[in-house]
Structures are given as C-alpha cells and as structure tokens.
Amino acid sequence: MKVVEVTEAADRLSECIQEAQRERILVTRGGRPAALITGIEGYDLEDILLASDPSFWQMIQERRQEESIDRDEILRRLAAAPSDTEE
C-alpha cells in the first residue's frame, strides 16, 4: 500500500487515481491516516453503491441470522409446486 500526504495527493490527484487501480493509496494528514483511495474501474455502479450502503449491509446481516433452507429442501418444494405450464 502506498502512503502519500494529503498535499501530495491533491497535487497529483489524477496520478493517484491511476495508481489506485493497481494498489490502494493511504492519504495522511500530518502523518495520520485521513483517507483511502481505492481503484474501482471495472466495477458496476450498482455494485459500488450497494457496497457503500450501510442499510444494504444491515439487511445482509439480518438475512444471515434467519434460518436457511438447504438445497434438497428447495428441490423438494419446487417438485411439489404446481407448474406454470399445467392446466
């Protein structure tokens, strides 16, 4: 991980963004961590927005606490369900 002072990052922002596609850049202010620049080229906008949304992660955490259904149970339920093509 590369470390740069905030003034250097500001002066070289375009270069820092390019470098961040290869490795994360820790931006410091007075020697203390202030920000992290992470490259996101190649990611979908929707994925980026979801990954940074606290309510999305809260929903994921809640769903993980719920009881899950194993594969065999899903297949059994699907086999028992009426088909859309049946009349």
PDB file of N, CA and C in Angstrom:
ATOM      1  N   MET A   1       0.845  -1.171   0.000  1.00  0.00           N
ATOM      2  CA  MET A   1       0.000   0.000   0.000  1.00  0.00           C
ATOM      3  C   MET A   1       0.890   1.233   0.000  1.00  0.00           C
ATOM      4  N   LYS A   2       0.584   2.134  -0.899  1.00  0.00           N
ATOM      5  CA  LYS A   2       1.344   3.379  -0.989  1.00  0.00           C
ATOM      6  C   LYS A   2       0.766   4.389   0.005  1.00  0.00           C
ATOM      7  N   VAL A   3       1.620   5.219   0.578  1.00  0.00           N
ATOM      8  CA  VAL A   3       1.201   6.250   1.526  1.00  0.00           C
ATOM      9  C   VAL A   3       1.640   7.601   0.988  1.00  0.00           C
ATOM     10  N   VAL A   4       0.696   8.548   0.923  1.00  0.00           N
ATOM     11  CA  VAL A   4       1.021   9.907   0.469  1.00  0.00           C
ATOM     12  C   VAL A   4       0.369  10.921   1.405  1.00  0.00           C
ATOM     13  N   GLU A   5       1.015  12.043   1.555  1.00  0.00           N
ATOM     14  CA  GLU A   5       0.475  13.152   2.343  1.00  0.00           C
ATOM     15  C   GLU A   5      -0.638  13.816   1.532  1.00  0.00           C
ATOM     16  N   VAL A   6      -1.624  14.373   2.206  1.00  0.00           N
ATOM     17  CA  VAL A   6      -2.791  14.953   1.543  1.00  0.00           C
ATOM     18  C   VAL A   6      -2.407  16.034   0.530  1.00  0.00           C
ATOM     19  N   THR A   7      -1.388  16.832   0.822  1.00  0.00           N
ATOM     20  CA  THR A   7      -0.992  17.879  -0.125  1.00  0.00           C
ATOM     21  C   THR A   7      -0.437  17.273  -1.408  1.00  0.00           C
ATOM     22  N   GLU A   8       0.325  16.181  -1.273  1.00  0.00           N
ATOM     23  CA  GLU A   8       0.850  15.496  -2.460  1.00  0.00           C
ATOM     24  C   GLU A   8      -0.290  14.859  -3.247  1.00  0.00           C
ATOM     25  N   ALA A   9      -1.235  14.246  -2.547  1.00  0.00           N
ATOM     26  CA  ALA A   9      -2.379  13.624  -3.224  1.00  0.00           C
ATOM     27  C   ALA A   9      -3.185  14.668  -3.985  1.00  0.00           C
ATOM     28  N   ALA A  10      -3.358  15.837  -3.401  1.00  0.00           N
ATOM     29  CA  ALA A  10      -4.109  16.903  -4.067  1.00  0.00           C
ATOM     30  C   ALA A  10      -3.373  17.387  -5.313  1.00  0.00           C
ATOM     31  N   ASP A  11      -2.066  17.536  -5.203  1.00  0.00           N
ATOM     32  CA  ASP A  11      -1.268  17.994  -6.345  1.00  0.00           C
ATOM     33  C   ASP A  11      -1.229  16.963  -7.468  1.00  0.00           C
ATOM     34  N   ARG A  12      -1.319  15.682  -7.106  1.00  0.00           N
ATOM     35  CA  ARG A  12      -1.179  14.602  -8.086  1.00  0.00           C
ATOM     36  C   ARG A  12      -2.435  13.729  -8.141  1.00  0.00           C
ATOM     37  N   LEU A  13      -3.618  14.325  -7.993  1.00  0.00           N
ATOM     38  CA  LEU A  13      -4.844  13.546  -7.876  1.00  0.00           C
ATOM     39  C   LEU A  13      -5.057  12.594  -9.044  1.00  0.00           C
ATOM     40  N   SER A  14      -4.885  13.079 -10.262  1.00  0.00           N
ATOM     41  CA  SER A  14      -5.090  12.222 -11.429  1.00  0.00           C
ATOM     42  C   SER A  14      -4.145  11.024 -11.406  1.00  0.00           C
ATOM     43  N   GLU A  15      -2.891  11.259 -11.074  1.00  0.00           N
ATOM     44  CA  GLU A  15      -1.914  10.161 -10.986  1.00  0.00           C
ATOM     45  C   GLU A  15      -2.273   9.193  -9.862  1.00  0.00           C
ATOM     46  N   CYS A  16      -2.722   9.729  -8.729  1.00  0.00           N
ATOM     47  CA  CYS A  16      -3.108   8.872  -7.606  1.00  0.00           C
ATOM     48  C   CYS A  16      -4.279   7.969  -7.989  1.00  0.00           C
ATOM     49  N   ILE A  17      -5.228   8.504  -8.737  1.00  0.00           N
ATOM     50  CA  ILE A  17      -6.375   7.697  -9.169  1.00  0.00           C
ATOM     51  C   ILE A  17      -5.913   6.574 -10.085  1.00  0.00           C
ATOM     52  N   GLN A  18      -4.996   6.882 -10.989  1.00  0.00           N
ATOM     53  CA  GLN A  18      -4.460   5.834 -11.867  1.00  0.00           C
ATOM     54  C   GLN A  18      -3.713   4.775 -11.057  1.00  0.00           C
ATOM     55  N   GLU A  19      -2.894   5.208 -10.127  1.00  0.00           N
ATOM     56  CA  GLU A  19      -2.132   4.271  -9.292  1.00  0.00           C
ATOM     57  C   GLU A  19      -3.059   3.423  -8.421  1.00  0.00           C
ATOM     58  N   ALA A  20      -4.174   4.015  -7.992  1.00  0.00           N
ATOM     59  CA  ALA A  20      -5.110   3.304  -7.120  1.00  0.00           C
ATOM     60  C   ALA A  20      -5.783   2.131  -7.822  1.00  0.00           C
ATOM     61  N   GLN A  21      -5.730   2.095  -9.138  1.00  0.00           N
ATOM     62  CA  GLN A  21      -6.278   0.948  -9.868  1.00  0.00           C
ATOM     63  C   GLN A  21      -5.405  -0.290  -9.665  1.00  0.00           C
ATOM     64  N   ARG A  22      -4.155  -0.081  -9.290  1.00  0.00           N
ATOM     65  CA  ARG A  22      -3.209  -1.184  -9.072  1.00  0.00           C
ATOM     66  C   ARG A  22      -3.003  -1.496  -7.590  1.00  0.00           C
ATOM     67  N   GLU A  23      -2.981  -0.452  -6.753  1.00  0.00           N
ATOM     68  CA  GLU A  23      -2.798  -0.648  -5.315  1.00  0.00           C
ATOM     69  C   GLU A  23      -3.479   0.482  -4.561  1.00  0.00           C
ATOM     70  N   ARG A  24      -3.930   0.175  -3.369  1.00  0.00           N
ATOM     71  CA  ARG A  24      -4.590   1.191  -2.552  1.00  0.00           C
ATOM     72  C   ARG A  24      -3.593   2.262  -2.138  1.00  0.00           C
ATOM     73  N   ILE A  25      -4.117   3.467  -1.968  1.00  0.00           N
ATOM     74  CA  ILE A  25      -3.275   4.583  -1.542  1.00  0.00           C
ATOM     75  C   ILE A  25      -3.852   5.153  -0.253  1.00  0.00           C
ATOM     76  N   LEU A  26      -3.044   5.144   0.791  1.00  0.00           N
ATOM     77  CA  LEU A  26      -3.433   5.724   2.066  1.00  0.00           C
ATOM     78  C   LEU A  26      -3.016   7.186   2.061  1.00  0.00           C
ATOM     79  N   VAL A  27      -3.967   8.068   2.273  1.00  0.00           N
ATOM     80  CA  VAL A  27      -3.692   9.502   2.310  1.00  0.00           C
ATOM     81  C   VAL A  27      -3.616   9.914   3.776  1.00  0.00           C
ATOM     82  N   THR A  28      -2.523  10.585   4.121  1.00  0.00           N
ATOM     83  CA  THR A  28      -2.332  11.018   5.504  1.00  0.00           C
ATOM     84  C   THR A  28      -2.366  12.535   5.600  1.00  0.00           C
ATOM     85  N   ARG A  29      -2.722  12.995   6.793  1.00  0.00           N
ATOM     86  CA  ARG A  29      -2.685  14.427   7.094  1.00  0.00           C
ATOM     87  C   ARG A  29      -1.898  14.557   8.393  1.00  0.00           C
ATOM     88  N   GLY A  30      -0.744  15.178   8.298  1.00  0.00           N
ATOM     89  CA  GLY A  30       0.111  15.304   9.480  1.00  0.00           C
ATOM     90  C   GLY A  30       0.587  13.957   9.997  1.00  0.00           C
ATOM     91  N   GLY A  31       0.775  13.004   9.080  1.00  0.00           N
ATOM     92  CA  GLY A  31       1.257  11.686   9.464  1.00  0.00           C
ATOM     93  C   GLY A  31       0.183  10.730   9.962  1.00  0.00           C
ATOM     94  N   ARG A  32      -1.066  11.194  10.022  1.00  0.00           N
ATOM     95  CA  ARG A  32      -2.162  10.343  10.499  1.00  0.00           C
ATOM     96  C   ARG A  32      -3.079   9.986   9.336  1.00  0.00           C
ATOM     97  N   PRO A  33      -3.594   8.769   9.297  1.00  0.00           N
ATOM     98  CA  PRO A  33      -4.488   8.359   8.212  1.00  0.00           C
ATOM     99  C   PRO A  33      -5.692   9.291   8.096  1.00  0.00           C
ATOM    100  N   ALA A  34      -5.988   9.710   6.861  1.00  0.00           N
ATOM    101  CA  ALA A  34      -7.119  10.609   6.621  1.00  0.00           C
ATOM    102  C   ALA A  34      -8.100  10.034   5.600  1.00  0.00           C
ATOM    103  N   ALA A  35      -7.604   9.270   4.632  1.00  0.00           N
ATOM    104  CA  ALA A  35      -8.472   8.715   3.589  1.00  0.00           C
ATOM    105  C   ALA A  35      -7.768   7.543   2.924  1.00  0.00           C
ATOM    106  N   LEU A  36      -8.558   6.768   2.218  1.00  0.00           N
ATOM    107  CA  LEU A  36      -8.032   5.645   1.460  1.00  0.00           C
ATOM    108  C   LEU A  36      -8.568   5.755   0.040  1.00  0.00           C
ATOM    109  N   ILE A  37      -7.674   5.752  -0.932  1.00  0.00           N
ATOM    110  CA  ILE A  37      -8.086   5.794  -2.340  1.00  0.00           C
ATOM    111  C   ILE A  37      -8.000   4.374  -2.880  1.00  0.00           C
ATOM    112  N   THR A  38      -9.129   3.883  -3.376  1.00  0.00           N
ATOM    113  CA  THR A  38      -9.214   2.530  -3.909  1.00  0.00           C
ATOM    114  C   THR A  38      -9.732   2.598  -5.333  1.00  0.00           C
ATOM    115  N   GLY A  39      -9.053   1.964  -6.257  1.00  0.00           N
ATOM    116  CA  GLY A  39      -9.499   1.941  -7.643  1.00  0.00           C
ATOM    117  C   GLY A  39     -10.763   1.117  -7.803  1.00  0.00           C
ATOM    118  N   ILE A  40     -11.673   1.600  -8.630  1.00  0.00           N
ATOM    119  CA  ILE A  40     -12.931   0.882  -8.844  1.00  0.00           C
ATOM    120  C   ILE A  40     -13.238   0.682 -10.322  1.00  0.00           C
ATOM    121  N   GLU A  41     -12.267   0.925 -11.181  1.00  0.00           N
ATOM    122  CA  GLU A  41     -12.503   0.694 -12.605  1.00  0.00           C
ATOM    123  C   GLU A  41     -12.873  -0.764 -12.818  1.00  0.00           C
ATOM    124  N   GLY A  42     -13.857  -1.001 -13.664  1.00  0.00           N
ATOM    125  CA  GLY A  42     -14.284  -2.359 -13.960  1.00  0.00           C
ATOM    126  C   GLY A  42     -15.444  -2.835 -13.103  1.00  0.00           C
ATOM    127  N   TYR A  43     -15.810  -2.084 -12.084  1.00  0.00           N
ATOM    128  CA  TYR A  43     -16.953  -2.449 -11.250  1.00  0.00           C
ATOM    129  C   TYR A  43     -18.211  -1.769 -11.788  1.00  0.00           C
ATOM    130  N   ASP A  44     -19.356  -2.401 -11.577  1.00  0.00           N
ATOM    131  CA  ASP A  44     -20.626  -1.789 -11.954  1.00  0.00           C
ATOM    132  C   ASP A  44     -20.994  -0.731 -10.923  1.00  0.00           C
ATOM    133  N   LEU A  45     -21.618   0.349 -11.385  1.00  0.00           N
ATOM    134  CA  LEU A  45     -22.026   1.425 -10.486  1.00  0.00           C
ATOM    135  C   LEU A  45     -22.948   0.895  -9.390  1.00  0.00           C
ATOM    136  N   GLU A  46     -23.882   0.022  -9.750  1.00  0.00           N
ATOM    137  CA  GLU A  46     -24.817  -0.522  -8.759  1.00  0.00           C
ATOM    138  C   GLU A  46     -24.074  -1.290  -7.663  1.00  0.00           C
ATOM    139  N   ASP A  47     -23.068  -2.067  -8.033  1.00  0.00           N
ATOM    140  CA  ASP A  47     -22.279  -2.807  -7.043  1.00  0.00           C
ATOM    141  C   ASP A  47     -21.551  -1.857  -6.094  1.00  0.00           C
ATOM    142  N   ILE A  48     -21.018  -0.790  -6.632  1.00  0.00           N
ATOM    143  CA  ILE A  48     -20.295   0.190  -5.815  1.00  0.00           C
ATOM    144  C   ILE A  48     -21.243   0.868  -4.835  1.00  0.00           C
ATOM    145  N   LEU A  49     -22.418   1.261  -5.336  1.00  0.00           N
ATOM    146  CA  LEU A  49     -23.392   1.929  -4.473  1.00  0.00           C
ATOM    147  C   LEU A  49     -23.884   0.996  -3.369  1.00  0.00           C
ATOM    148  N   LEU A  50     -24.162  -0.258  -3.709  1.00  0.00           N
ATOM    149  CA  LEU A  50     -24.610  -1.213  -2.690  1.00  0.00           C
ATOM    150  C   LEU A  50     -23.519  -1.474  -1.657  1.00  0.00           C
ATOM    151  N   ALA A  51     -22.303  -1.637  -2.107  1.00  0.00           N
ATOM    152  CA  ALA A  51     -21.194  -1.940  -1.199  1.00  0.00           C
ATOM    153  C   ALA A  51     -20.941  -0.820  -0.196  1.00  0.00           C
ATOM    154  N   SER A  52     -21.339   0.391  -0.537  1.00  0.00           N
ATOM    155  CA  SER A  52     -21.103   1.521   0.361  1.00  0.00           C
ATOM    156  C   SER A  52     -22.370   1.955   1.102  1.00  0.00           C
ATOM    157  N   ASP A  53     -23.442   1.159   1.009  1.00  0.00           N
ATOM    158  CA  ASP A  53     -24.721   1.499   1.636  1.00  0.00           C
ATOM    159  C   ASP A  53     -24.889   0.725   2.947  1.00  0.00           C
ATOM    160  N   PRO A  54     -24.845   1.406   4.092  1.00  0.00           N
ATOM    161  CA  PRO A  54     -24.979   0.709   5.377  1.00  0.00           C
ATOM    162  C   PRO A  54     -26.293  -0.074   5.506  1.00  0.00           C
ATOM    163  N   SER A  55     -27.375   0.424   4.922  1.00  0.00           N
ATOM    164  CA  SER A  55     -28.650  -0.289   5.031  1.00  0.00           C
ATOM    165  C   SER A  55     -28.611  -1.616   4.279  1.00  0.00           C
ATOM    166  N   PHE A  56     -27.853  -1.688   3.191  1.00  0.00           N
ATOM    167  CA  PHE A  56     -27.688  -2.945   2.465  1.00  0.00           C
ATOM    168  C   PHE A  56     -26.991  -3.969   3.356  1.00  0.00           C
ATOM    169  N   TRP A  57     -25.914  -3.561   4.023  1.00  0.00           N
ATOM    170  CA  TRP A  57     -25.166  -4.479   4.882  1.00  0.00           C
ATOM    171  C   TRP A  57     -25.979  -4.870   6.112  1.00  0.00           C
ATOM    172  N   GLN A  58     -26.827  -3.969   6.594  1.00  0.00           N
ATOM    173  CA  GLN A  58     -27.724  -4.309   7.704  1.00  0.00           C
ATOM    174  C   GLN A  58     -28.699  -5.396   7.263  1.00  0.00           C
ATOM    175  N   MET A  59     -29.258  -5.269   6.044  1.00  0.00           N
ATOM    176  CA  MET A  59     -30.166  -6.273   5.508  1.00  0.00           C
ATOM    177  C   MET A  59     -29.452  -7.621   5.369  1.00  0.00           C
ATOM    178  N   ILE A  60     -28.224  -7.610   4.865  1.00  0.00           N
ATOM    179  CA  ILE A  60     -27.450  -8.845   4.716  1.00  0.00           C
ATOM    180  C   ILE A  60     -27.251  -9.505   6.083  1.00  0.00           C
ATOM    181  N   GLN A  61     -26.883  -8.721   7.076  1.00  0.00           N
ATOM    182  CA  GLN A  61     -26.667  -9.258   8.420  1.00  0.00           C
ATOM    183  C   GLN A  61     -27.953  -9.875   8.966  1.00  0.00           C
ATOM    184  N   GLU A  62     -29.089  -9.201   8.775  1.00  0.00           N
ATOM    185  CA  GLU A  62     -30.370  -9.732   9.250  1.00  0.00           C
ATOM    186  C   GLU A  62     -30.721 -11.035   8.540  1.00  0.00           C
ATOM    187  N   ARG A  63     -30.506 -11.099   7.236  1.00  0.00           N
ATOM    188  CA  ARG A  63     -30.829 -12.314   6.477  1.00  0.00           C
ATOM    189  C   ARG A  63     -29.947 -13.484   6.898  1.00  0.00           C
ATOM    190  N   ARG A  64     -28.704 -13.212   7.229  1.00  0.00           N
ATOM    191  CA  ARG A  64     -27.791 -14.277   7.652  1.00  0.00           C
ATOM    192  C   ARG A  64     -28.205 -14.879   8.991  1.00  0.00           C
ATOM    193  N   GLN A  65     -28.942 -14.128   9.776  1.00  0.00           N
ATOM    194  CA  GLN A  65     -29.392 -14.631  11.070  1.00  0.00           C
ATOM    195  C   GLN A  65     -30.658 -15.472  10.939  1.00  0.00           C
ATOM    196  N   GLU A  66     -31.339 -15.377   9.797  1.00  0.00           N
ATOM    197  CA  GLU A  66     -32.546 -16.166   9.573  1.00  0.00           C
ATOM    198  C   GLU A  66     -32.178 -17.610   9.265  1.00  0.00           C
ATOM    199  N   GLU A  67     -33.134 -18.494   9.515  1.00  0.00           N
ATOM    200  CA  GLU A  67     -32.919 -19.905   9.208  1.00  0.00           C
ATOM    201  C   GLU A  67     -32.826 -20.076   7.696  1.00  0.00           C
ATOM    202  N   SER A  68     -31.884 -20.881   7.269  1.00  0.00           N
ATOM    203  CA  SER A  68     -31.705 -21.104   5.830  1.00  0.00           C
ATOM    204  C   SER A  68     -32.367 -22.411   5.407  1.00  0.00           C
ATOM    205  N   ILE A  69     -32.538 -22.555   4.107  1.00  0.00           N
ATOM    206  CA  ILE A  69     -33.126 -23.761   3.530  1.00  0.00           C
ATOM    207  C   ILE A  69     -32.042 -24.435   2.701  1.00  0.00           C
ATOM    208  N   ASP A  70     -31.837 -25.732   2.927  1.00  0.00           N
ATOM    209  CA  ASP A  70     -30.797 -26.410   2.159  1.00  0.00           C
ATOM    210  C   ASP A  70     -31.297 -26.766   0.753  1.00  0.00           C
ATOM    211  N   ARG A  71     -30.380 -27.145  -0.076  1.00  0.00           N
ATOM    212  CA  ARG A  71     -30.656 -27.420  -1.495  1.00  0.00           C
ATOM    213  C   ARG A  71     -31.722 -28.492  -1.673  1.00  0.00           C
ATOM    214  N   ASP A  72     -31.637 -29.572  -0.905  1.00  0.00           N
ATOM    215  CA  ASP A  72     -32.604 -30.665  -1.039  1.00  0.00           C
ATOM    216  C   ASP A  72     -34.026 -30.200  -0.726  1.00  0.00           C
ATOM    217  N   GLU A  73     -34.163 -29.338   0.283  1.00  0.00           N
ATOM    218  CA  GLU A  73     -35.485 -28.809   0.634  1.00  0.00           C
ATOM    219  C   GLU A  73     -36.030 -27.925  -0.488  1.00  0.00           C
ATOM    220  N   ILE A  74     -35.178 -27.112  -1.079  1.00  0.00           N
ATOM    221  CA  ILE A  74     -35.610 -26.264  -2.200  1.00  0.00           C
ATOM    222  C   ILE A  74     -36.089 -27.131  -3.354  1.00  0.00           C
ATOM    223  N   LEU A  75     -35.321 -28.164  -3.696  1.00  0.00           N
ATOM    224  CA  LEU A  75     -35.713 -29.052  -4.796  1.00  0.00           C
ATOM    225  C   LEU A  75     -37.028 -29.766  -4.489  1.00  0.00           C
ATOM    226  N   ARG A  76     -37.219 -30.193  -3.242  1.00  0.00           N
ATOM    227  CA  ARG A  76     -38.460 -30.851  -2.855  1.00  0.00           C
ATOM    228  C   ARG A  76     -39.649 -29.902  -3.010  1.00  0.00           C
ATOM    229  N   ARG A  77     -39.479 -28.649  -2.576  1.00  0.00           N
ATOM    230  CA  ARG A  77     -40.562 -27.660  -2.698  1.00  0.00           C
ATOM    231  C   ARG A  77     -40.866 -27.354  -4.161  1.00  0.00           C
ATOM    232  N   LEU A  78     -39.825 -27.252  -4.975  1.00  0.00           N
ATOM    233  CA  LEU A  78     -40.036 -26.984  -6.400  1.00  0.00           C
ATOM    234  C   LEU A  78     -40.765 -28.134  -7.078  1.00  0.00           C
ATOM    235  N   ALA A  79     -40.424 -29.351  -6.716  1.00  0.00           N
ATOM    236  CA  ALA A  79     -41.072 -30.521  -7.309  1.00  0.00           C
ATOM    237  C   ALA A  79     -42.542 -30.594  -6.911  1.00  0.00           C
ATOM    238  N   ALA A  80     -42.870 -30.131  -5.709  1.00  0.00           N
ATOM    239  CA  ALA A  80     -44.248 -30.185  -5.222  1.00  0.00           C
ATOM    240  C   ALA A  80     -45.095 -29.018  -5.719  1.00  0.00           C
ATOM    241  N   ALA A  81     -44.461 -27.950  -6.180  1.00  0.00           N
ATOM    242  CA  ALA A  81     -45.198 -26.762  -6.636  1.00  0.00           C
ATOM    243  C   ALA A  81     -45.848 -27.026  -7.983  1.00  0.00           C
ATOM    244  N   PRO A  82     -47.063 -26.469  -8.187  1.00  0.00           N
ATOM    245  CA  PRO A  82     -47.705 -26.634  -9.498  1.00  0.00           C
ATOM    246  C   PRO A  82     -46.903 -25.927 -10.589  1.00  0.00           C
ATOM    247  N   SER A  83     -46.867 -26.517 -11.746  1.00  0.00           N
ATOM    248  CA  SER A  83     -46.123 -25.958 -12.873  1.00  0.00           C
ATOM    249  C   SER A  83     -46.947 -24.876 -13.553  1.00  0.00           C
ATOM    250  N   ASP A  84     -46.279 -23.859 -14.098  1.00  0.00           N
ATOM    251  CA  ASP A  84     -46.970 -22.806 -14.859  1.00  0.00           C
ATOM    252  C   ASP A  84     -47.551 -23.351 -16.151  1.00  0.00           C
ATOM    253  N   THR A  85     -47.009 -24.444 -16.641  1.00  0.00           N
ATOM    254  CA  THR A  85     -47.467 -24.996 -17.922  1.00  0.00           C
ATOM    255  C   THR A  85     -48.619 -25.974 -17.752  1.00  0.00           C
ATOM    256  N   GLU A  86     -48.908 -26.369 -16.503  1.00  0.00           N
ATOM    257  CA  GLU A  86     -50.029 -27.283 -16.267  1.00  0.00           C
ATOM    258  C   GLU A  86     -51.341 -26.528 -16.374  1.00  0.00           C
ATOM    259  N   GLU A  87     -52.359 -27.227 -16.894  1.00  0.00           N
ATOM    260  CA  GLU A  87     -53.683 -26.597 -16.992  1.00  0.00           C
ATOM    261  C   GLU A  87     -54.695 -27.377 -16.236  1.00  0.00           C
TER     262      GLU A  87
END
